[in-house]
Amino acid sequence: MASAPNRLRRVPIHKHLIEQGFQKYVEERRHIGKPLFYEPPRARGGKKANPQWQKVAERLGEWVRDSLKVSNWLQP
């Protein structure tokens, strides 16, 4: 079951992401009121049943499982 896009979720951050400035990026996106991993203006008029954020989450999950070889027990 997918979590709602506005629901608070605490996630540990790898130190390499911190070194690369991920926390600054998160704050910048929060300040301008945009999601972290997609641009709403780039949406192609999808249906409410398949929102853009859900598709991005699916693709991110595929990348984690396929490219990074993370087993299926972990859900991003």
C-alpha atoms as a PDB file:
ATOM      1  CA  MET A   1       0.000   0.000   0.000  1.00  0.00           C
ATOM      2  CA  ALA A   2       1.454   3.385  -0.993  1.00  0.00           C
ATOM      3  CA  SER A   3       1.646   6.120   1.609  1.00  0.00           C
ATOM      4  CA  ALA A   4      -0.033   9.471   1.053  1.00  0.00           C
ATOM      5  CA  PRO A   5       2.247  12.128  -0.492  1.00  0.00           C
ATOM      6  CA  ASN A   6       1.796  14.584   2.413  1.00  0.00           C
ATOM      7  CA  ARG A   7       2.337  12.096   5.215  1.00  0.00           C
ATOM      8  CA  LEU A   8       5.418  12.604   7.415  1.00  0.00           C
ATOM      9  CA  ARG A   9       7.865   9.736   7.141  1.00  0.00           C
ATOM     10  CA  ARG A  10      11.233   9.635   8.898  1.00  0.00           C
ATOM     11  CA  VAL A  11      13.934   8.083   6.752  1.00  0.00           C
ATOM     12  CA  PRO A  12      17.634   7.733   7.667  1.00  0.00           C
ATOM     13  CA  ILE A  13      19.966   9.524   5.261  1.00  0.00           C
ATOM     14  CA  HIS A  14      23.236   7.944   4.161  1.00  0.00           C
ATOM     15  CA  LYS A  15      26.262  10.101   5.012  1.00  0.00           C
ATOM     16  CA  HIS A  16      27.263  10.274   1.343  1.00  0.00           C
ATOM     17  CA  LEU A  17      23.946  11.952   0.509  1.00  0.00           C
ATOM     18  CA  ILE A  18      24.536  14.426   3.329  1.00  0.00           C
ATOM     19  CA  GLU A  19      28.014  15.179   1.932  1.00  0.00           C
ATOM     20  CA  GLN A  20      26.464  15.806  -1.495  1.00  0.00           C
ATOM     21  CA  GLY A  21      24.047  18.384  -0.075  1.00  0.00           C
ATOM     22  CA  PHE A  22      20.824  16.392  -0.152  1.00  0.00           C
ATOM     23  CA  GLN A  23      19.458  18.085   2.971  1.00  0.00           C
ATOM     24  CA  LYS A  24      19.990  21.509   1.373  1.00  0.00           C
ATOM     25  CA  TYR A  25      18.152  20.305  -1.742  1.00  0.00           C
ATOM     26  CA  VAL A  26      15.253  19.076   0.414  1.00  0.00           C
ATOM     27  CA  GLU A  27      15.011  22.444   2.162  1.00  0.00           C
ATOM     28  CA  GLU A  28      15.122  24.319  -1.157  1.00  0.00           C
ATOM     29  CA  ARG A  29      12.295  22.181  -2.563  1.00  0.00           C
ATOM     30  CA  ARG A  30      10.268  22.646   0.625  1.00  0.00           C
ATOM     31  CA  HIS A  31      10.804  26.420   0.480  1.00  0.00           C
ATOM     32  CA  ILE A  32       9.444  26.684  -3.070  1.00  0.00           C
ATOM     33  CA  GLY A  33       6.645  24.187  -2.343  1.00  0.00           C
ATOM     34  CA  LYS A  34       7.674  21.493  -4.823  1.00  0.00           C
ATOM     35  CA  PRO A  35       8.027  17.715  -4.467  1.00  0.00           C
ATOM     36  CA  LEU A  36      11.522  16.253  -4.161  1.00  0.00           C
ATOM     37  CA  PHE A  37      11.741  13.919  -7.129  1.00  0.00           C
ATOM     38  CA  TYR A  38       9.501  15.281  -9.869  1.00  0.00           C
ATOM     39  CA  GLU A  39       8.306  18.497 -11.479  1.00  0.00           C
ATOM     40  CA  PRO A  40       4.493  18.873 -11.491  1.00  0.00           C
ATOM     41  CA  PRO A  41       4.531  21.077 -14.647  1.00  0.00           C
ATOM     42  CA  ARG A  42       6.013  18.126 -16.580  1.00  0.00           C
ATOM     43  CA  ALA A  43       2.903  16.003 -15.944  1.00  0.00           C
ATOM     44  CA  ARG A  44       1.211  14.784 -19.104  1.00  0.00           C
ATOM     45  CA  GLY A  45      -2.371  15.029 -17.917  1.00  0.00           C
ATOM     46  CA  GLY A  46      -2.483  11.662 -16.178  1.00  0.00           C
ATOM     47  CA  LYS A  47      -5.550  10.244 -14.507  1.00  0.00           C
ATOM     48  CA  LYS A  48      -6.342  10.638 -10.809  1.00  0.00           C
ATOM     49  CA  ALA A  49      -6.114   6.857 -10.484  1.00  0.00           C
ATOM     50  CA  ASN A  50      -2.452   7.007 -11.569  1.00  0.00           C
ATOM     51  CA  PRO A  51      -0.978  10.290 -10.253  1.00  0.00           C
ATOM     52  CA  GLN A  52       2.459  11.507 -11.322  1.00  0.00           C
ATOM     53  CA  TRP A  53       3.985  11.076  -7.855  1.00  0.00           C
ATOM     54  CA  GLN A  54       2.948   7.410  -7.856  1.00  0.00           C
ATOM     55  CA  LYS A  55       4.582   6.750 -11.235  1.00  0.00           C
ATOM     56  CA  VAL A  56       7.790   8.442 -10.071  1.00  0.00           C
ATOM     57  CA  ALA A  57       7.774   6.278  -6.926  1.00  0.00           C
ATOM     58  CA  GLU A  58       7.366   3.144  -9.054  1.00  0.00           C
ATOM     59  CA  ARG A  59      10.291   4.105 -11.288  1.00  0.00           C
ATOM     60  CA  LEU A  60      12.469   4.958  -8.302  1.00  0.00           C
ATOM     61  CA  GLY A  61      11.622   1.575  -6.765  1.00  0.00           C
ATOM     62  CA  GLU A  62      12.528  -0.227 -10.003  1.00  0.00           C
ATOM     63  CA  TRP A  63      15.858   1.600 -10.104  1.00  0.00           C
ATOM     64  CA  VAL A  64      16.635   0.654  -6.487  1.00  0.00           C
ATOM     65  CA  ARG A  65      15.792  -3.013  -7.104  1.00  0.00           C
ATOM     66  CA  ASP A  66      17.301  -3.417 -10.578  1.00  0.00           C
ATOM     67  CA  SER A  67      20.298  -1.100 -10.744  1.00  0.00           C
ATOM     68  CA  LEU A  68      21.345  -1.195  -7.104  1.00  0.00           C
ATOM     69  CA  LYS A  69      20.391  -4.874  -6.671  1.00  0.00           C
ATOM     70  CA  VAL A  70      18.423  -4.216  -3.492  1.00  0.00           C
ATOM     71  CA  SER A  71      16.162  -7.158  -2.674  1.00  0.00           C
ATOM     72  CA  ASN A  72      12.380  -6.896  -2.855  1.00  0.00           C
ATOM     73  CA  TRP A  73      11.902  -6.930   0.918  1.00  0.00           C
ATOM     74  CA  LEU A  74      12.797  -3.228   1.003  1.00  0.00           C
ATOM     75  CA  GLN A  75      10.214  -0.742  -0.223  1.00  0.00           C
ATOM     76  CA  PRO A  76      11.615   2.724  -1.012  1.00  0.00           C
END
